[in-house]
Protein backbone atom coordinates (compact mmCIF):
# COMPACT_ATOMS: atom_id res chain seq x y z
CA MET A 1 128.96 131.13 107.42
CA ASP A 2 128.27 133.53 104.57
CA ALA A 3 128.94 130.75 102.03
CA LEU A 4 126.26 128.59 103.60
CA ASN A 5 123.77 131.51 103.58
CA SER A 6 124.52 132.26 99.96
CA LEU A 7 123.96 128.68 99.03
CA SER A 8 120.63 128.53 100.86
CA SER A 9 119.53 131.64 99.03
CA LEU A 10 120.20 129.97 95.80
CA GLY A 11 118.04 126.99 96.82
CA LEU A 12 121.01 124.65 97.21
CA VAL A 13 121.08 122.40 100.38
CA LEU A 14 124.07 120.33 101.25
CA PRO A 15 123.37 116.58 101.95
CA SER A 16 123.51 115.13 105.44
CA PRO A 17 126.47 113.06 106.54
CA ALA A 18 124.21 109.97 106.66
CA TYR A 19 123.33 110.51 102.96
CA LEU A 20 127.02 111.01 101.98
CA PHE A 21 128.01 107.85 103.93
CA GLY A 22 125.25 105.94 102.14
CA LEU A 23 126.54 107.24 98.79
CA ILE A 24 129.95 106.15 99.33
CA LEU A 25 128.89 102.79 100.82
CA PHE A 26 126.61 101.98 97.83
CA GLY A 27 129.03 103.27 95.31
CA ILE A 28 131.88 101.01 96.62
CA THR A 29 129.57 98.05 96.85
CA GLY A 30 128.35 98.73 93.32
CA TYR A 31 131.83 98.96 91.90
CA ALA A 32 132.82 95.68 93.58
CA ALA A 33 129.66 94.08 92.13
CA TYR A 34 130.40 95.37 88.72
CA ARG A 35 133.95 94.09 88.87
CA TYR A 36 132.73 90.65 90.07
CA GLY A 37 130.14 90.45 87.37
CA ASN A 38 132.72 91.50 84.72
CA LYS A 39 135.27 88.99 85.96
CA THR A 40 132.87 86.03 86.12
CA ALA A 41 130.93 87.03 82.97
CA LEU A 42 127.69 87.14 84.84
CA ALA A 43 125.26 89.87 83.64
CA LYS A 44 122.94 90.24 86.64
CA PRO A 45 125.66 91.04 89.20
CA LYS A 46 127.19 93.54 86.71
CA TRP A 47 123.97 95.41 86.03
CA ILE A 48 123.04 95.49 89.74
CA GLY A 49 126.42 96.98 90.44
CA ILE A 50 125.81 99.66 87.90
CA ALA A 51 122.41 100.40 89.41
CA LEU A 52 124.08 100.59 92.91
CA MET A 53 126.58 103.08 91.67
CA LEU A 54 124.07 105.35 89.82
CA PHE A 55 120.85 105.28 91.72
CA PRO A 56 121.93 107.70 94.54
CA TYR A 57 122.14 110.58 92.01
CA ALA A 58 118.36 110.11 91.32
CA VAL A 59 117.30 109.89 95.09
CA SER A 60 117.19 112.79 97.30
CA GLU A 61 115.76 111.41 100.55
CA THR A 62 118.15 109.58 102.92
CA TRP A 63 115.62 106.88 104.01
CA LEU A 64 114.94 106.13 100.37
CA LEU A 65 118.57 105.92 99.61
CA TYR A 66 119.12 103.26 102.19
CA ALA A 67 115.78 101.32 101.31
CA ILE A 68 116.73 101.11 97.64
CA GLY A 69 120.34 100.37 98.36
CA ALA A 70 119.33 97.57 100.74
CA GLY A 71 116.99 96.14 98.13
CA LEU A 72 119.69 96.16 95.56
CA CYS A 73 122.15 94.45 97.89
CA VAL A 74 119.62 91.65 98.53
CA ALA A 75 119.14 91.31 94.84
CA LEU A 76 122.96 91.13 94.43
CA TYR A 77 123.20 88.49 97.09
CA ARG A 78 120.33 86.43 95.42
CA TYR A 79 121.83 86.68 91.88
CA ARG A 80 125.48 86.29 92.88
CA LYS A 81 125.88 82.94 91.00
C-alpha cells in the first residue's frame, strides 16, 4: 500500500482495468490490420493499423479510448479492400 501512496504523491495514477483491456484489444487489432495491409499491399489498412496501435498512448480517458478505437475499427472495415 505504501507504493501506491508514493505513486499518488508523485502525481502518477495507474490506469483502470477497462483502459488496459482497451489498450491490449486495439493494439492487437492494429497489429493484425498492419500485417494484413502489408501482406496485401494496401496502404489504408496499414496506416489504420498503425493508428490503432499508437493512439492509446495519446488518450487518457477510457471512454475516449473506446470511441476513437471503435471509429478506427469502422474505418478499417470500410477500407479493407
